[in-house]
C-alpha atoms as a PDB file:
ATOM      1  CA  MET A   1     -14.184 -14.604 -12.958  1.00  0.00           C
ATOM      2  CA  ARG A   2     -14.313 -18.319 -12.267  1.00  0.00           C
ATOM      3  CA  PHE A   3     -13.593 -17.763  -8.592  1.00  0.00           C
ATOM      4  CA  LYS A   4     -15.079 -15.654  -5.826  1.00  0.00           C
ATOM      5  CA  HIS A   5     -13.317 -17.154  -2.827  1.00  0.00           C
ATOM      6  CA  LEU A   6      -9.724 -18.082  -2.060  1.00  0.00           C
ATOM      7  CA  HIS A   7     -10.499 -21.778  -1.677  1.00  0.00           C
ATOM      8  CA  GLU A   8     -11.921 -21.738  -5.223  1.00  0.00           C
ATOM      9  CA  LEU A   9      -8.823 -19.960  -6.479  1.00  0.00           C
ATOM     10  CA  ASN A  10      -6.637 -22.621  -4.892  1.00  0.00           C
ATOM     11  CA  ALA A  11      -8.769 -25.476  -6.232  1.00  0.00           C
ATOM     12  CA  ILE A  12      -8.757 -24.228  -9.835  1.00  0.00           C
ATOM     13  CA  CYS A  13      -5.009 -23.547  -9.899  1.00  0.00           C
ATOM     14  CA  THR A  14      -4.213 -26.901  -8.308  1.00  0.00           C
ATOM     15  CA  ALA A  15      -6.507 -28.834 -10.666  1.00  0.00           C
ATOM     16  CA  GLU A  16      -5.163 -27.064 -13.765  1.00  0.00           C
ATOM     17  CA  SER A  17      -1.517 -26.916 -12.623  1.00  0.00           C
ATOM     18  CA  LYS A  18      -1.399 -23.147 -12.972  1.00  0.00           C
ATOM     19  CA  THR A  19      -0.037 -20.362 -10.877  1.00  0.00           C
ATOM     20  CA  ILE A  20      -2.495 -17.807  -9.564  1.00  0.00           C
ATOM     21  CA  ALA A  21      -0.870 -15.227 -11.846  1.00  0.00           C
ATOM     22  CA  GLN A  22      -1.462 -17.400 -14.922  1.00  0.00           C
ATOM     23  CA  LEU A  23      -5.101 -17.917 -14.004  1.00  0.00           C
ATOM     24  CA  MET A  24      -5.655 -14.227 -13.280  1.00  0.00           C
ATOM     25  CA  ILE A  25      -4.186 -13.196 -16.632  1.00  0.00           C
ATOM     26  CA  GLU A  26      -6.475 -15.659 -18.422  1.00  0.00           C
ATOM     27  CA  GLU A  27      -9.495 -14.409 -16.500  1.00  0.00           C
ATOM     28  CA  GLN A  28      -8.611 -10.784 -17.166  1.00  0.00           C
ATOM     29  CA  VAL A  29      -8.306 -11.465 -20.884  1.00  0.00           C
ATOM     30  CA  GLN A  30     -11.706 -13.174 -20.851  1.00  0.00           C
ATOM     31  CA  GLU A  31     -13.422 -10.529 -18.739  1.00  0.00           C
ATOM     32  CA  THR A  32     -12.155  -7.530 -20.705  1.00  0.00           C
ATOM     33  CA  ASN A  33     -11.942  -9.101 -24.166  1.00  0.00           C
ATOM     34  CA  THR A  34      -8.431  -7.676 -24.388  1.00  0.00           C
ATOM     35  CA  PRO A  35      -5.390  -9.420 -25.922  1.00  0.00           C
ATOM     36  CA  GLU A  36      -3.084 -10.976 -23.335  1.00  0.00           C
ATOM     37  CA  ALA A  37      -0.149  -8.871 -24.488  1.00  0.00           C
ATOM     38  CA  ASP A  38      -2.110  -5.691 -23.779  1.00  0.00           C
ATOM     39  CA  VAL A  39      -3.244  -6.909 -20.360  1.00  0.00           C
ATOM     40  CA  VAL A  40       0.328  -7.724 -19.374  1.00  0.00           C
ATOM     41  CA  GLN A  41       1.644  -4.461 -20.824  1.00  0.00           C
ATOM     42  CA  GLN A  42      -0.788  -2.448 -18.727  1.00  0.00           C
ATOM     43  CA  MET A  43       0.361  -4.203 -15.564  1.00  0.00           C
ATOM     44  CA  SER A  44       3.995  -3.681 -16.603  1.00  0.00           C
ATOM     45  CA  GLU A  45       3.330   0.035 -16.818  1.00  0.00           C
ATOM     46  CA  TYR A  46       1.855  -0.008 -13.335  1.00  0.00           C
ATOM     47  CA  TYR A  47       4.985  -1.674 -12.030  1.00  0.00           C
ATOM     48  CA  GLN A  48       7.169   0.997 -13.616  1.00  0.00           C
ATOM     49  CA  VAL A  49       5.133   3.669 -11.821  1.00  0.00           C
ATOM     50  CA  MET A  50       5.818   1.862  -8.549  1.00  0.00           C
ATOM     51  CA  LYS A  51       9.552   1.812  -9.231  1.00  0.00           C
ATOM     52  CA  GLU A  52       9.519   5.494 -10.145  1.00  0.00           C
ATOM     53  CA  ALA A  53       7.737   6.310  -6.879  1.00  0.00           C
ATOM     54  CA  VAL A  54      10.383   4.492  -4.845  1.00  0.00           C
ATOM     55  CA  HIS A  55      13.129   6.342  -6.719  1.00  0.00           C
ATOM     56  CA  LYS A  56      11.428   9.682  -6.198  1.00  0.00           C
ATOM     57  CA  GLY A  57      10.940   9.031  -2.507  1.00  0.00           C
ATOM     58  CA  LEU A  58      14.616   8.202  -2.089  1.00  0.00           C
ATOM     59  CA  ASN A  59      15.993  11.068  -4.128  1.00  0.00           C
ATOM     60  CA  GLU A  60      13.582  13.983  -4.113  1.00  0.00           C
ATOM     61  CA  ASP A  61      11.794  16.199  -1.617  1.00  0.00           C
ATOM     62  CA  THR A  62       8.600  14.484  -0.507  1.00  0.00           C
ATOM     63  CA  VAL A  63       7.414  16.884   2.177  1.00  0.00           C
ATOM     64  CA  SER A  64       3.630  16.894   2.014  1.00  0.00           C
ATOM     65  CA  ARG A  65       1.671  20.052   1.318  1.00  0.00           C
ATOM     66  CA  SER A  66       0.490  20.028   4.917  1.00  0.00           C
ATOM     67  CA  GLY A  67       4.087  19.855   6.111  1.00  0.00           C
ATOM     68  CA  LEU A  68       3.183  17.023   8.477  1.00  0.00           C
ATOM     69  CA  THR A  69       5.226  14.311   6.780  1.00  0.00           C
ATOM     70  CA  GLY A  70       8.108  13.666   4.436  1.00  0.00           C
ATOM     71  CA  GLY A  71      11.651  12.336   4.389  1.00  0.00           C
ATOM     72  CA  ASP A  72      11.202   9.244   6.546  1.00  0.00           C
ATOM     73  CA  GLY A  73      11.866   6.901   3.630  1.00  0.00           C
ATOM     74  CA  LYS A  74      15.230   8.606   3.140  1.00  0.00           C
ATOM     75  CA  ARG A  75      15.951   8.391   6.853  1.00  0.00           C
ATOM     76  CA  MET A  76      15.316   4.662   6.831  1.00  0.00           C
ATOM     77  CA  ALA A  77      17.553   4.172   3.789  1.00  0.00           C
ATOM     78  CA  GLU A  78      20.371   6.084   5.459  1.00  0.00           C
ATOM     79  CA  TYR A  79      19.925   4.054   8.643  1.00  0.00           C
ATOM     80  CA  ILE A  80      20.130   0.777   6.684  1.00  0.00           C
ATOM     81  CA  ARG A  81      23.475   1.842   5.207  1.00  0.00           C
ATOM     82  CA  LYS A  82      24.923   1.914   8.727  1.00  0.00           C
ATOM     83  CA  GLY A  83      24.377  -1.859   9.007  1.00  0.00           C
ATOM     84  CA  GLU A  84      22.728  -1.672  12.410  1.00  0.00           C
ATOM     85  CA  THR A  85      19.104  -2.609  11.707  1.00  0.00           C
ATOM     86  CA  CYS A  86      17.143  -4.468  14.375  1.00  0.00           C
ATOM     87  CA  SER A  87      14.788  -6.223  11.967  1.00  0.00           C
ATOM     88  CA  GLY A  88      17.372  -7.156   9.328  1.00  0.00           C
ATOM     89  CA  ASP A  89      18.192  -5.336   6.126  1.00  0.00           C
ATOM     90  CA  ALA A  90      15.576  -7.141   4.009  1.00  0.00           C
ATOM     91  CA  SER A  91      12.712  -6.063   6.255  1.00  0.00           C
ATOM     92  CA  ALA A  92      14.136  -2.599   6.768  1.00  0.00           C
ATOM     93  CA  LEU A  93      14.536  -2.004   3.031  1.00  0.00           C
ATOM     94  CA  ALA A  94      10.945  -3.079   2.344  1.00  0.00           C
ATOM     95  CA  MET A  95       9.909  -0.658   5.090  1.00  0.00           C
ATOM     96  CA  ALA A  96      11.979   2.181   3.616  1.00  0.00           C
ATOM     97  CA  TYR A  97      10.572   1.694   0.131  1.00  0.00           C
ATOM     98  CA  ALA A  98       7.008   1.492   1.441  1.00  0.00           C
ATOM     99  CA  LEU A  99       7.530   4.758   3.311  1.00  0.00           C
ATOM    100  CA  CYS A 100       8.953   6.361   0.160  1.00  0.00           C
ATOM    101  CA  VAL A 101       5.940   5.479  -1.974  1.00  0.00           C
ATOM    102  CA  SER A 102       3.467   6.595   0.685  1.00  0.00           C
ATOM    103  CA  GLU A 103       5.299   9.896   1.036  1.00  0.00           C
ATOM    104  CA  VAL A 104       5.176  10.406  -2.717  1.00  0.00           C
ATOM    105  CA  ASN A 105       1.421   9.945  -2.484  1.00  0.00           C
ATOM    106  CA  ALA A 106       1.154  12.469   0.366  1.00  0.00           C
ATOM    107  CA  SER A 107       3.181  14.998  -1.637  1.00  0.00           C
ATOM    108  CA  MET A 108       0.831  14.652  -4.625  1.00  0.00           C
ATOM    109  CA  GLY A 109       3.139  12.441  -6.662  1.00  0.00           C
ATOM    110  CA  ARG A 110       2.102   9.561  -8.918  1.00  0.00           C
ATOM    111  CA  ILE A 111       1.421   6.173  -7.337  1.00  0.00           C
ATOM    112  CA  VAL A 112      -0.596   3.042  -8.032  1.00  0.00           C
ATOM    113  CA  ALA A 113      -3.487   2.364  -5.657  1.00  0.00           C
ATOM    114  CA  THR A 114      -2.826  -1.147  -4.323  1.00  0.00           C
ATOM    115  CA  PRO A 115      -5.626  -1.537  -3.519  1.00  0.00           C
ATOM    116  CA  THR A 116      -6.042   2.099  -2.370  1.00  0.00           C
ATOM    117  CA  ALA A 117      -3.902   5.214  -2.200  1.00  0.00           C
ATOM    118  CA  GLY A 118      -3.840   4.902   1.579  1.00  0.00           C
ATOM    119  CA  SER A 119      -2.087   1.533   1.290  1.00  0.00           C
ATOM    120  CA  CYS A 120      -0.069   2.277  -1.851  1.00  0.00           C
ATOM    121  CA  GLY A 121       3.363   1.650  -0.315  1.00  0.00           C
ATOM    122  CA  ILE A 122       3.099  -1.946   0.876  1.00  0.00           C
ATOM    123  CA  ILE A 123       3.190  -3.924  -2.367  1.00  0.00           C
ATOM    124  CA  PRO A 124       5.888  -1.720  -3.968  1.00  0.00           C
ATOM    125  CA  GLY A 125       7.931  -1.879  -0.771  1.00  0.00           C
ATOM    126  CA  VAL A 126       7.816  -5.673  -0.680  1.00  0.00           C
ATOM    127  CA  PHE A 127       8.181  -6.224  -4.434  1.00  0.00           C
ATOM    128  CA  ILE A 128      10.949  -3.783  -5.311  1.00  0.00           C
ATOM    129  CA  SER A 129      13.123  -4.568  -2.309  1.00  0.00           C
ATOM    130  CA  SER A 130      12.716  -8.290  -3.034  1.00  0.00           C
ATOM    131  CA  GLN A 131      13.562  -7.782  -6.704  1.00  0.00           C
ATOM    132  CA  GLU A 132      16.830  -6.157  -5.706  1.00  0.00           C
ATOM    133  CA  ARG A 133      17.539  -8.870  -3.161  1.00  0.00           C
ATOM    134  CA  PHE A 134      16.809 -11.899  -5.362  1.00  0.00           C
ATOM    135  CA  GLY A 135      17.698 -10.483  -8.779  1.00  0.00           C
ATOM    136  CA  TRP A 136      14.232 -11.066 -10.225  1.00  0.00           C
ATOM    137  CA  SER A 137      13.191  -9.712 -13.620  1.00  0.00           C
ATOM    138  CA  ASP A 138      10.455  -7.122 -14.044  1.00  0.00           C
ATOM    139  CA  GLU A 139       8.389  -9.786 -15.806  1.00  0.00           C
ATOM    140  CA  HIS A 140       8.479 -11.959 -12.695  1.00  0.00           C
ATOM    141  CA  LEU A 141       7.282  -9.075 -10.518  1.00  0.00           C
ATOM    142  CA  VAL A 142       4.525  -8.235 -12.993  1.00  0.00           C
ATOM    143  CA  ASN A 143       3.272 -11.797 -12.579  1.00  0.00           C
ATOM    144  CA  GLY A 144       3.335 -11.153  -8.854  1.00  0.00           C
ATOM    145  CA  LEU A 145       1.036  -8.185  -9.367  1.00  0.00           C
ATOM    146  CA  PHE A 146      -1.488 -10.418 -11.106  1.00  0.00           C
ATOM    147  CA  CYS A 147      -1.360 -12.788  -8.140  1.00  0.00           C
ATOM    148  CA  ALA A 148      -1.857  -9.864  -5.762  1.00  0.00           C
ATOM    149  CA  GLY A 149      -4.720  -8.651  -7.931  1.00  0.00           C
ATOM    150  CA  ALA A 150      -6.504 -12.000  -7.679  1.00  0.00           C
ATOM    151  CA  ILE A 151      -6.259 -11.855  -3.884  1.00  0.00           C
ATOM    152  CA  GLY A 152      -7.497  -8.267  -3.842  1.00  0.00           C
ATOM    153  CA  TYR A 153     -10.414  -9.246  -6.075  1.00  0.00           C
ATOM    154  CA  VAL A 154     -11.532 -11.852  -3.563  1.00  0.00           C
ATOM    155  CA  ILE A 155     -11.197  -9.486  -0.592  1.00  0.00           C
ATOM    156  CA  ALA A 156     -13.025  -6.661  -2.362  1.00  0.00           C
ATOM    157  CA  ASN A 157     -15.934  -8.899  -3.329  1.00  0.00           C
ATOM    158  CA  ASN A 158     -16.354 -10.477   0.088  1.00  0.00           C
ATOM    159  CA  SER A 159     -15.356  -7.697   2.490  1.00  0.00           C
ATOM    160  CA  PHE A 160     -13.925  -4.172   2.147  1.00  0.00           C
ATOM    161  CA  ILE A 161     -10.899  -2.449   0.672  1.00  0.00           C
ATOM    162  CA  SER A 162     -12.003   1.030   1.755  1.00  0.00           C
ATOM    163  CA  GLY A 163     -11.145   2.604   5.083  1.00  0.00           C
ATOM    164  CA  ALA A 164     -14.387   4.582   4.991  1.00  0.00           C
ATOM    165  CA  GLU A 165     -16.288   1.284   4.935  1.00  0.00           C
ATOM    166  CA  GLY A 166     -14.208  -1.064   7.057  1.00  0.00           C
ATOM    167  CA  GLY A 167     -11.395   0.841   8.754  1.00  0.00           C
ATOM    168  CA  CYS A 168      -7.693   0.577   8.095  1.00  0.00           C
ATOM    169  CA  GLN A 169      -7.902  -3.219   8.284  1.00  0.00           C
ATOM    170  CA  ALA A 170      -9.603  -2.930   4.884  1.00  0.00           C
ATOM    171  CA  GLU A 171      -6.884  -0.807   3.285  1.00  0.00           C
ATOM    172  CA  VAL A 172      -3.553  -1.602   4.909  1.00  0.00           C
ATOM    173  CA  GLY A 173      -4.785  -5.041   5.965  1.00  0.00           C
ATOM    174  CA  SER A 174      -5.841  -5.969   2.435  1.00  0.00           C
ATOM    175  CA  ALA A 175      -2.564  -4.712   0.985  1.00  0.00           C
ATOM    176  CA  ILE A 176      -0.584  -6.790   3.502  1.00  0.00           C
ATOM    177  CA  GLY A 177      -2.562  -9.891   2.559  1.00  0.00           C
ATOM    178  CA  MET A 178      -2.090  -9.220  -1.155  1.00  0.00           C
ATOM    179  CA  ALA A 179       1.652  -8.649  -0.750  1.00  0.00           C
ATOM    180  CA  ALA A 180       2.137 -11.691   1.491  1.00  0.00           C
ATOM    181  CA  GLY A 181       0.304 -14.052  -0.838  1.00  0.00           C
ATOM    182  CA  ALA A 182       2.042 -12.729  -3.935  1.00  0.00           C
ATOM    183  CA  MET A 183       5.431 -13.000  -2.254  1.00  0.00           C
ATOM    184  CA  VAL A 184       4.787 -16.684  -1.578  1.00  0.00           C
ATOM    185  CA  GLU A 185       4.069 -17.300  -5.264  1.00  0.00           C
ATOM    186  CA  LEU A 186       7.090 -15.251  -6.320  1.00  0.00           C
ATOM    187  CA  ARG A 187       9.248 -17.488  -4.137  1.00  0.00           C
ATOM    188  CA  GLY A 188       7.818 -20.647  -5.735  1.00  0.00           C
ATOM    189  CA  GLY A 189       5.165 -21.500  -3.150  1.00  0.00           C
ATOM    190  CA  THR A 190       2.002 -23.395  -3.980  1.00  0.00           C
ATOM    191  CA  PRO A 191      -1.456 -21.830  -4.399  1.00  0.00           C
ATOM    192  CA  GLU A 192      -2.403 -23.406  -1.079  1.00  0.00           C
ATOM    193  CA  GLN A 193       0.529 -21.711   0.648  1.00  0.00           C
ATOM    194  CA  VAL A 194      -0.464 -18.423  -0.981  1.00  0.00           C
ATOM    195  CA  VAL A 195      -3.936 -18.726   0.501  1.00  0.00           C
ATOM    196  CA  HIS A 196      -2.553 -19.491   3.962  1.00  0.00           C
ATOM    197  CA  ALA A 197      -0.277 -16.439   3.765  1.00  0.00           C
ATOM    198  CA  VAL A 198      -3.298 -14.237   3.121  1.00  0.00           C
ATOM    199  CA  GLY A 199      -5.103 -15.566   6.188  1.00  0.00           C
ATOM    200  CA  LEU A 200      -2.040 -15.257   8.395  1.00  0.00           C
ATOM    201  CA  ALA A 201      -1.544 -11.657   7.297  1.00  0.00           C
ATOM    202  CA  LEU A 202      -5.155 -10.557   7.612  1.00  0.00           C
ATOM    203  CA  LYS A 203      -5.547 -12.005  11.108  1.00  0.00           C
ATOM    204  CA  ASN A 204      -2.811  -9.676  12.302  1.00  0.00           C
ATOM    205  CA  THR A 205      -4.699  -6.541  11.203  1.00  0.00           C
ATOM    206  CA  LEU A 206      -8.288  -7.360  12.194  1.00  0.00           C
ATOM    207  CA  GLY A 207      -9.851  -4.401  13.984  1.00  0.00           C
ATOM    208  CA  LEU A 208      -7.298  -1.840  12.797  1.00  0.00           C
ATOM    209  CA  ILE A 209      -9.131   1.490  12.712  1.00  0.00           C
ATOM    210  CA  CYS A 210      -8.814   4.286  10.153  1.00  0.00           C
ATOM    211  CA  ASP A 211      -8.036   7.480  12.085  1.00  0.00           C
ATOM    212  CA  PRO A 212      -6.148   9.919   9.829  1.00  0.00           C
ATOM    213  CA  VAL A 213      -5.024  13.088  11.558  1.00  0.00           C
ATOM    214  CA  ALA A 214      -6.796  16.084   9.999  1.00  0.00           C
ATOM    215  CA  GLY A 215      -8.394  13.675   7.546  1.00  0.00           C
ATOM    216  CA  LEU A 216      -5.171  13.470   5.522  1.00  0.00           C
ATOM    217  CA  VAL A 217      -3.596  10.244   4.255  1.00  0.00           C
ATOM    218  CA  GLU A 218      -0.407  10.928   6.222  1.00  0.00           C
ATOM    219  CA  ILE A 219      -0.494  10.265   9.984  1.00  0.00           C
ATOM    220  CA  PRO A 220      -0.565   7.357  10.841  1.00  0.00           C
ATOM    221  CA  CYS A 221      -1.099   6.025   7.305  1.00  0.00           C
ATOM    222  CA  ILE A 222       2.476   6.342   6.065  1.00  0.00           C
ATOM    223  CA  VAL A 223       4.020   4.575   9.055  1.00  0.00           C
ATOM    224  CA  ARG A 224       1.410   1.816   8.817  1.00  0.00           C
ATOM    225  CA  ASN A 225       2.514   1.220   5.232  1.00  0.00           C
ATOM    226  CA  GLY A 226       6.112   0.799   6.352  1.00  0.00           C
ATOM    227  CA  LEU A 227       5.219  -1.636   9.115  1.00  0.00           C
ATOM    228  CA  GLY A 228       2.735  -3.379   6.835  1.00  0.00           C
ATOM    229  CA  ALA A 229       5.494  -4.282   4.388  1.00  0.00           C
ATOM    230  CA  VAL A 230       7.379  -6.019   7.192  1.00  0.00           C
ATOM    231  CA  THR A 231       4.262  -7.908   8.266  1.00  0.00           C
ATOM    232  CA  ALA A 232       3.732  -9.096   4.692  1.00  0.00           C
ATOM    233  CA  LEU A 233       7.249 -10.544   4.545  1.00  0.00           C
ATOM    234  CA  ALA A 234       6.743 -12.259   7.896  1.00  0.00           C
ATOM    235  CA  ALA A 235       3.439 -13.817   6.814  1.00  0.00           C
ATOM    236  CA  ALA A 236       5.028 -15.031   3.567  1.00  0.00           C
ATOM    237  CA  ASP A 237       7.871 -16.658   5.490  1.00  0.00           C
ATOM    238  CA  MET A 238       5.435 -18.387   7.821  1.00  0.00           C
ATOM    239  CA  ALA A 239       3.431 -19.806   4.924  1.00  0.00           C
ATOM    240  CA  LEU A 240       6.544 -20.929   3.033  1.00  0.00           C
ATOM    241  CA  ALA A 241       7.739 -22.656   6.201  1.00  0.00           C
ATOM    242  CA  GLY A 242       4.513 -24.644   6.318  1.00  0.00           C
ATOM    243  CA  VAL A 243       2.628 -22.624   8.907  1.00  0.00           C
ATOM    244  CA  ARG A 244      -1.092 -22.791   8.168  1.00  0.00           C
ATOM    245  CA  SER A 245      -3.922 -20.419   8.968  1.00  0.00           C
ATOM    246  CA  ALA A 246      -5.979 -22.468  11.437  1.00  0.00           C
ATOM    247  CA  ILE A 247      -9.008 -20.368  10.553  1.00  0.00           C
ATOM    248  CA  PRO A 248      -9.493 -20.683   6.767  1.00  0.00           C
ATOM    249  CA  SER A 249      -8.545 -17.511   4.949  1.00  0.00           C
ATOM    250  CA  ASP A 250     -12.008 -17.056   3.470  1.00  0.00           C
ATOM    251  CA  GLU A 251     -13.427 -17.092   6.982  1.00  0.00           C
ATOM    252  CA  VAL A 252     -10.864 -14.504   8.062  1.00  0.00           C
ATOM    253  CA  ILE A 253     -12.108 -12.270   5.232  1.00  0.00           C
ATOM    254  CA  ASP A 254     -15.667 -12.796   6.499  1.00  0.00           C
ATOM    255  CA  VAL A 255     -14.541 -11.664   9.950  1.00  0.00           C
ATOM    256  CA  MET A 256     -13.014  -8.539   8.420  1.00  0.00           C
ATOM    257  CA  LEU A 257     -16.469  -7.770   7.038  1.00  0.00           C
ATOM    258  CA  GLU A 258     -18.090  -8.428  10.419  1.00  0.00           C
ATOM    259  CA  VAL A 259     -15.609  -6.278  12.340  1.00  0.00           C
ATOM    260  CA  GLY A 260     -15.678  -3.448   9.811  1.00  0.00           C
ATOM    261  CA  SER A 261     -19.466  -3.367   9.768  1.00  0.00           C
ATOM    262  CA  ALA A 262     -19.527  -3.067  13.563  1.00  0.00           C
ATOM    263  CA  MET A 263     -16.848  -0.367  13.649  1.00  0.00           C
ATOM    264  CA  PRO A 264     -18.189   3.059  14.698  1.00  0.00           C
ATOM    265  CA  SER A 265     -18.064   5.795  12.092  1.00  0.00           C
ATOM    266  CA  ARG A 266     -15.518   7.757  14.147  1.00  0.00           C
ATOM    267  CA  HIS A 267     -13.030   4.983  13.391  1.00  0.00           C
ATOM    268  CA  ARG A 268     -13.726   4.817   9.671  1.00  0.00           C
ATOM    269  CA  GLU A 269     -11.786   7.629   7.982  1.00  0.00           C
ATOM    270  CA  THR A 270     -13.798  10.492   9.503  1.00  0.00           C
ATOM    271  CA  ALA A 271     -10.948  11.828  11.681  1.00  0.00           C
ATOM    272  CA  GLN A 272     -13.443  11.941  14.568  1.00  0.00           C
ATOM    273  CA  GLY A 273     -11.738   9.342  16.739  1.00  0.00           C
ATOM    274  CA  GLY A 274      -8.524   7.460  17.418  1.00  0.00           C
ATOM    275  CA  LEU A 275      -5.222   9.224  16.848  1.00  0.00           C
ATOM    276  CA  ALA A 276      -6.957  12.058  15.009  1.00  0.00           C
ATOM    277  CA  GLN A 277      -8.676  13.120  18.238  1.00  0.00           C
ATOM    278  CA  THR A 278      -5.702  12.943  20.586  1.00  0.00           C
ATOM    279  CA  PRO A 279      -4.648  16.338  21.997  1.00  0.00           C
ATOM    280  CA  THR A 280      -1.736  16.445  19.551  1.00  0.00           C
ATOM    281  CA  GLY A 281      -3.878  15.288  16.643  1.00  0.00           C
ATOM    282  CA  ARG A 282      -6.425  18.029  17.339  1.00  0.00           C
ATOM    283  CA  LYS A 283      -3.690  20.662  17.547  1.00  0.00           C
ATOM    284  CA  MET A 284      -2.351  19.586  14.159  1.00  0.00           C
ATOM    285  CA  MET A 285      -5.831  19.817  12.664  1.00  0.00           C
ATOM    286  CA  GLU A 286      -6.465  23.240  14.193  1.00  0.00           C
ATOM    287  CA  LYS A 287      -3.155  24.552  12.897  1.00  0.00           C
ATOM    288  CA  LEU A 288      -3.914  23.379   9.384  1.00  0.00           C
ATOM    289  CA  ALA A 289      -7.414  24.869   9.553  1.00  0.00           C
ATOM    290  CA  LYS A 290      -6.129  28.377  10.303  1.00  0.00           C
ATOM    291  CA  PRO A 291      -6.053  30.584   7.185  1.00  0.00           C
ATOM    292  CA  LYS A 292      -2.555  31.516   6.116  1.00  0.00           C
ATOM    293  CA  ALA A 293      -1.671  35.175   6.366  1.00  0.00           C
ATOM    294  CA  LYS A 294      -1.732  36.953   3.037  1.00  0.00           C
ATOM    295  CA  ARG A 295       1.384  38.757   1.902  1.00  0.00           C
ATOM    296  CA  ALA A 296       1.127  42.542   1.577  1.00  0.00           C
ATOM    297  CA  PRO A 297       1.293  43.747  -2.030  1.00  0.00           C
ATOM    298  CA  GLU A 298       4.686  44.901  -3.235  1.00  0.00           C
ATOM    299  CA  PRO A 299       5.013  48.703  -3.454  1.00  0.00           C
ATOM    300  CA  GLU A 300       5.161  50.173  -6.921  1.00  0.00           C
ATOM    301  CA  LEU A 301       8.456  51.557  -8.119  1.00  0.00           C
ATOM    302  CA  GLU A 302       8.953  54.762 -10.066  1.00  0.00           C
ATOM    303  CA  THR A 303      11.678  55.323 -12.628  1.00  0.00           C
ATOM    304  CA  ASP A 304      12.460  58.699 -14.167  1.00  0.00           C
ATOM    305  CA  GLY A 305       9.155  60.114 -13.052  1.00  0.00           C
ATOM    306  CA  ALA A 306       7.132  57.343 -14.711  1.00  0.00           C
ATOM    307  CA  ALA A 307       5.157  54.851 -12.705  1.00  0.00           C
ATOM    308  CA  GLY A 308       6.226  51.249 -13.213  1.00  0.00           C
ATOM    309  CA  SER A 309       6.382  47.896 -11.470  1.00  0.00           C
ATOM    310  CA  ALA A 310       9.303  45.721 -10.572  1.00  0.00           C
ATOM    311  CA  SER A 311       9.919  42.794 -12.938  1.00  0.00           C
ATOM    312  CA  GLU A 312      10.940  39.332 -11.857  1.00  0.00           C
END
């Protein structure tokens, strides 16, 4: 890749009059020695998986195997139809779709890690709700994924994208930054505005711990995905309005690394602190840890004096 930092990404795109998506596609082709059509096709397939996950979350049972979560995406969608949202229908729909995808993940459905499974709902929530709102083509959203990928590449190579390494700021935070920056480009913003959106988004999640109840990617992960989608839209709006990240976005990423490195292990995906160790969180974990009672074997049936077994 010709860039490692966001300021380099901005400089190259500005100098060559390219979008971040265009540059990322070129770099991907070069790095993998794969034809451009194949690179784009692969990303198109990823986007279809995202759309399928939203559809499944809205229309099918997504109760997790633990029984702790499921159905909140549907609840949000039903609430939106009443026309009484506090945050506005655009934000609420992004939230609903993000919840849907995260619930599909928790119920062992198919998702795309963006950048991780724990943050898989944010980009689909923002992208698919915006596609419906603005009437964008799939091709346009696929370009947005390349832009998001470029941002994620920079974060991953300068900080963390794993909750086990840097807390939830690394997973949900990174996804919010990726979604915010990509949304700016999708709306016609400049590479510089994209970079500012990333910084604005990441600053709002610095220090966010990873504290999954019972060690499962459910509570509070799913709700954080829903709220993260809203934050991404807000950061994109700020950047498009001309609001700048006073602390350069690359420096914000450096701070994410600093904060994550200083975070105690109990707040990095171990379920040993935070919400996981509240009285309620511990009760949930204890309940899940109890072995389920085994069913007694069915009695054998006899027919005409011959031993046999019931058929299903």
